[in-house]
Amino acid sequence: MAENPQENGASTAFATLRQALDDAADMPPSAAKPAAVRYLAEEIQDIYGTATALRKAEVLRLRKDDPKLTYHQIGTAVGVTKGRVDQILKAA
């Protein structure tokens, strides 16, 4: 997993999220467990969608700021393959 270069509380937030996931996994079978799991999954999916949009925006910004960057360089910077960079740029 990549290290967060920002000192903005993200590490603490992710630790809290991981604890919530562990707590849900450790819940005994009950009517509340599926609801807890669903809630966590939906929230994570929403966060993932936002992170993906930010990543795509960074690909576009990097390409615009320096058209000489290779797809490999852009992909390495944002954490995707050069093939995914190609897909993002073609879809833009």
Protein backbone atom coordinates (compact mmCIF):
# COMPACT_ATOMS: atom_id res chain seq x y z
CA MET A 1 0.00 0.00 0.00
CA ALA A 2 1.27 3.45 -0.87
CA GLU A 3 2.29 5.85 1.84
CA ASN A 4 0.23 9.02 2.23
CA PRO A 5 2.48 12.04 1.62
CA GLN A 6 0.03 14.38 3.35
CA GLU A 7 -0.16 15.05 7.05
CA ASN A 8 -3.89 15.64 7.03
CA GLY A 9 -5.29 12.98 9.31
CA ALA A 10 -5.86 10.41 6.55
CA SER A 11 -3.84 7.75 8.38
CA THR A 12 -6.01 8.14 11.45
CA ALA A 13 -9.18 8.09 9.37
CA PHE A 14 -8.14 4.90 7.59
CA ALA A 15 -7.21 3.26 10.89
CA THR A 16 -10.69 4.11 12.17
CA LEU A 17 -12.26 2.71 9.00
CA ARG A 18 -10.24 -0.49 9.30
CA GLN A 19 -11.39 -0.84 12.91
CA ALA A 20 -15.01 -0.38 11.83
CA LEU A 21 -14.55 -3.11 9.22
CA ASP A 22 -12.97 -5.42 11.79
CA ASP A 23 -15.80 -4.67 14.22
CA ALA A 24 -18.41 -5.50 11.56
CA ALA A 25 -16.61 -8.72 10.67
CA ASP A 26 -16.52 -9.71 14.34
CA MET A 27 -20.21 -9.08 14.93
CA PRO A 28 -22.16 -12.19 15.82
CA PRO A 29 -24.82 -13.23 13.32
CA SER A 30 -27.79 -10.92 13.82
CA ALA A 31 -30.19 -8.66 11.97
CA ALA A 32 -27.82 -5.75 12.56
CA LYS A 33 -24.76 -7.34 10.94
CA PRO A 34 -25.93 -7.21 7.30
CA ALA A 35 -27.01 -3.59 7.77
CA ALA A 36 -23.62 -2.66 9.24
CA VAL A 37 -21.78 -4.42 6.42
CA ARG A 38 -24.00 -2.81 3.77
CA TYR A 39 -23.50 0.65 5.28
CA LEU A 40 -19.72 0.29 5.35
CA ALA A 41 -19.61 -1.09 1.80
CA GLU A 42 -21.76 1.75 0.45
CA GLU A 43 -19.67 4.41 2.18
CA ILE A 44 -16.41 2.87 0.96
CA GLN A 45 -17.80 2.64 -2.57
CA ASP A 46 -18.70 6.34 -2.47
CA ILE A 47 -15.25 7.27 -1.19
CA TYR A 48 -13.64 5.08 -3.85
CA GLY A 49 -15.63 6.83 -6.58
CA THR A 50 -14.41 10.21 -5.36
CA ALA A 51 -10.80 8.99 -5.20
CA THR A 52 -11.07 7.58 -8.72
CA ALA A 53 -12.37 10.90 -10.03
CA LEU A 54 -9.46 12.70 -8.36
CA ARG A 55 -7.01 10.23 -9.89
CA LYS A 56 -8.48 10.74 -13.36
CA ALA A 57 -8.29 14.51 -12.94
CA GLU A 58 -4.61 14.20 -11.98
CA VAL A 59 -3.90 12.13 -15.10
CA LEU A 60 -5.47 14.85 -17.23
CA ARG A 61 -3.66 17.62 -15.39
CA LEU A 62 -0.27 15.93 -15.65
CA ARG A 63 -0.74 15.36 -19.38
CA LYS A 64 -1.82 18.97 -19.91
CA ASP A 65 0.99 20.43 -17.78
CA ASP A 66 3.71 18.33 -19.45
CA PRO A 67 2.73 16.64 -22.72
CA LYS A 68 6.20 15.09 -22.89
CA LEU A 69 5.52 12.83 -19.91
CA THR A 70 5.13 9.21 -20.96
CA TYR A 71 2.08 7.20 -20.03
CA HIS A 72 4.36 5.15 -17.80
CA GLN A 73 5.52 8.27 -15.93
CA ILE A 74 1.97 9.52 -15.47
CA GLY A 75 0.79 6.10 -14.37
CA THR A 76 3.60 5.78 -11.86
CA ALA A 77 2.79 9.21 -10.44
CA VAL A 78 -0.89 8.42 -9.85
CA GLY A 79 -0.68 4.66 -9.29
CA VAL A 80 -2.21 3.18 -12.43
CA THR A 81 -0.87 1.27 -15.42
CA LYS A 82 0.11 2.99 -18.64
CA GLY A 83 -2.81 1.15 -20.24
CA ARG A 84 -5.20 2.77 -17.77
CA VAL A 85 -3.63 6.17 -18.48
CA ASP A 86 -4.33 5.55 -22.17
CA GLN A 87 -7.96 4.68 -21.40
CA ILE A 88 -8.43 7.79 -19.26
CA LEU A 89 -6.94 10.07 -21.90
CA LYS A 90 -8.94 8.54 -24.72
CA ALA A 91 -12.16 8.91 -22.73
CA ALA A 92 -11.49 12.58 -21.96
